[in-house]
Amino acid sequence: MRRAFLKEHLPIEYGRVLLSEQLFPHLRDRDWDVVT
């Protein structure tokens, strides 16, 4: 899953990703799709 895809097609999920990145700044793109 790419960030641009989420932003365009799943804005709610994209918002959750941004929120989780704020809460867990050590997470990156390669990690959050496994975590969530």
N, C-alpha and C. Protein backbone atom coordinates (compact mmCIF):
# COMPACT_ATOMS: atom_id res chain seq x y z
N MET A 1 0.84 -1.20 0.00
CA MET A 1 0.00 0.00 0.00
C MET A 1 0.88 1.25 0.00
N ARG A 2 0.54 2.14 -0.88
CA ARG A 2 1.30 3.38 -0.94
C ARG A 2 0.51 4.53 -0.34
N ARG A 3 1.24 5.47 0.21
CA ARG A 3 0.63 6.63 0.85
C ARG A 3 -0.28 7.40 -0.10
N ALA A 4 0.17 7.57 -1.35
CA ALA A 4 -0.63 8.32 -2.33
C ALA A 4 -1.94 7.58 -2.63
N PHE A 5 -1.86 6.24 -2.70
CA PHE A 5 -3.06 5.45 -2.94
C PHE A 5 -4.06 5.62 -1.80
N LEU A 6 -3.55 5.57 -0.58
CA LEU A 6 -4.43 5.75 0.58
C LEU A 6 -5.06 7.13 0.57
N LYS A 7 -4.25 8.14 0.26
CA LYS A 7 -4.76 9.50 0.32
C LYS A 7 -5.86 9.71 -0.71
N GLU A 8 -5.73 9.06 -1.86
CA GLU A 8 -6.71 9.26 -2.93
C GLU A 8 -7.95 8.41 -2.74
N HIS A 9 -7.77 7.15 -2.32
CA HIS A 9 -8.88 6.21 -2.30
C HIS A 9 -9.43 5.93 -0.91
N LEU A 10 -8.59 6.04 0.09
CA LEU A 10 -9.02 5.73 1.46
C LEU A 10 -8.59 6.85 2.40
N PRO A 11 -9.18 8.03 2.28
CA PRO A 11 -8.73 9.17 3.09
C PRO A 11 -8.87 8.94 4.59
N ILE A 12 -9.85 8.14 5.00
CA ILE A 12 -9.99 7.84 6.42
C ILE A 12 -8.82 7.00 6.91
N GLU A 13 -8.48 5.98 6.13
CA GLU A 13 -7.32 5.16 6.47
C GLU A 13 -6.04 6.00 6.45
N TYR A 14 -5.96 6.90 5.47
CA TYR A 14 -4.80 7.78 5.38
C TYR A 14 -4.68 8.64 6.63
N GLY A 15 -5.81 9.12 7.12
CA GLY A 15 -5.81 9.89 8.35
C GLY A 15 -5.35 9.07 9.53
N ARG A 16 -5.75 7.80 9.58
CA ARG A 16 -5.32 6.92 10.66
C ARG A 16 -3.82 6.69 10.59
N VAL A 17 -3.30 6.58 9.37
CA VAL A 17 -1.86 6.40 9.19
C VAL A 17 -1.10 7.62 9.71
N LEU A 18 -1.58 8.81 9.34
CA LEU A 18 -0.92 10.02 9.81
C LEU A 18 -0.98 10.12 11.33
N LEU A 19 -2.12 9.76 11.90
CA LEU A 19 -2.27 9.81 13.35
C LEU A 19 -1.32 8.83 14.03
N SER A 20 -1.24 7.62 13.51
CA SER A 20 -0.36 6.62 14.10
C SER A 20 1.10 7.01 13.95
N GLU A 21 1.43 7.73 12.86
CA GLU A 21 2.81 8.20 12.70
C GLU A 21 3.13 9.28 13.71
N GLN A 22 2.12 10.07 14.08
CA GLN A 22 2.34 11.08 15.11
C GLN A 22 2.51 10.43 16.48
N LEU A 23 1.72 9.38 16.72
CA LEU A 23 1.80 8.69 18.00
C LEU A 23 3.05 7.83 18.09
N PHE A 24 3.43 7.24 16.96
CA PHE A 24 4.59 6.35 16.91
C PHE A 24 5.53 6.80 15.80
N PRO A 25 6.30 7.87 16.04
CA PRO A 25 7.12 8.46 14.97
C PRO A 25 8.22 7.53 14.46
N HIS A 26 8.50 6.46 15.20
CA HIS A 26 9.54 5.53 14.74
C HIS A 26 9.03 4.62 13.62
N LEU A 27 7.71 4.60 13.42
CA LEU A 27 7.16 3.76 12.35
C LEU A 27 7.31 4.45 11.01
N ARG A 28 7.51 3.65 9.99
CA ARG A 28 7.64 4.19 8.63
C ARG A 28 6.73 3.40 7.69
N ASP A 29 6.77 3.75 6.41
CA ASP A 29 5.87 3.15 5.42
C ASP A 29 5.98 1.63 5.39
N ARG A 30 7.19 1.11 5.55
CA ARG A 30 7.38 -0.34 5.46
C ARG A 30 6.85 -1.06 6.70
N ASP A 31 6.49 -0.29 7.74
CA ASP A 31 6.11 -0.91 9.00
C ASP A 31 4.62 -0.83 9.29
N TRP A 32 3.99 0.31 8.98
CA TRP A 32 2.64 0.52 9.50
C TRP A 32 1.60 -0.42 8.92
N ASP A 33 1.80 -0.86 7.67
CA ASP A 33 0.81 -1.77 7.08
C ASP A 33 0.84 -3.13 7.77
N VAL A 34 1.98 -3.46 8.39
CA VAL A 34 2.06 -4.69 9.17
C VAL A 34 1.44 -4.48 10.54
N VAL A 35 1.62 -3.30 11.09
CA VAL A 35 1.15 -3.01 12.44
C VAL A 35 -0.37 -2.90 12.49
N THR A 36 -0.96 -2.21 11.54
CA THR A 36 -2.40 -1.94 11.60
C THR A 36 -3.22 -3.14 11.16
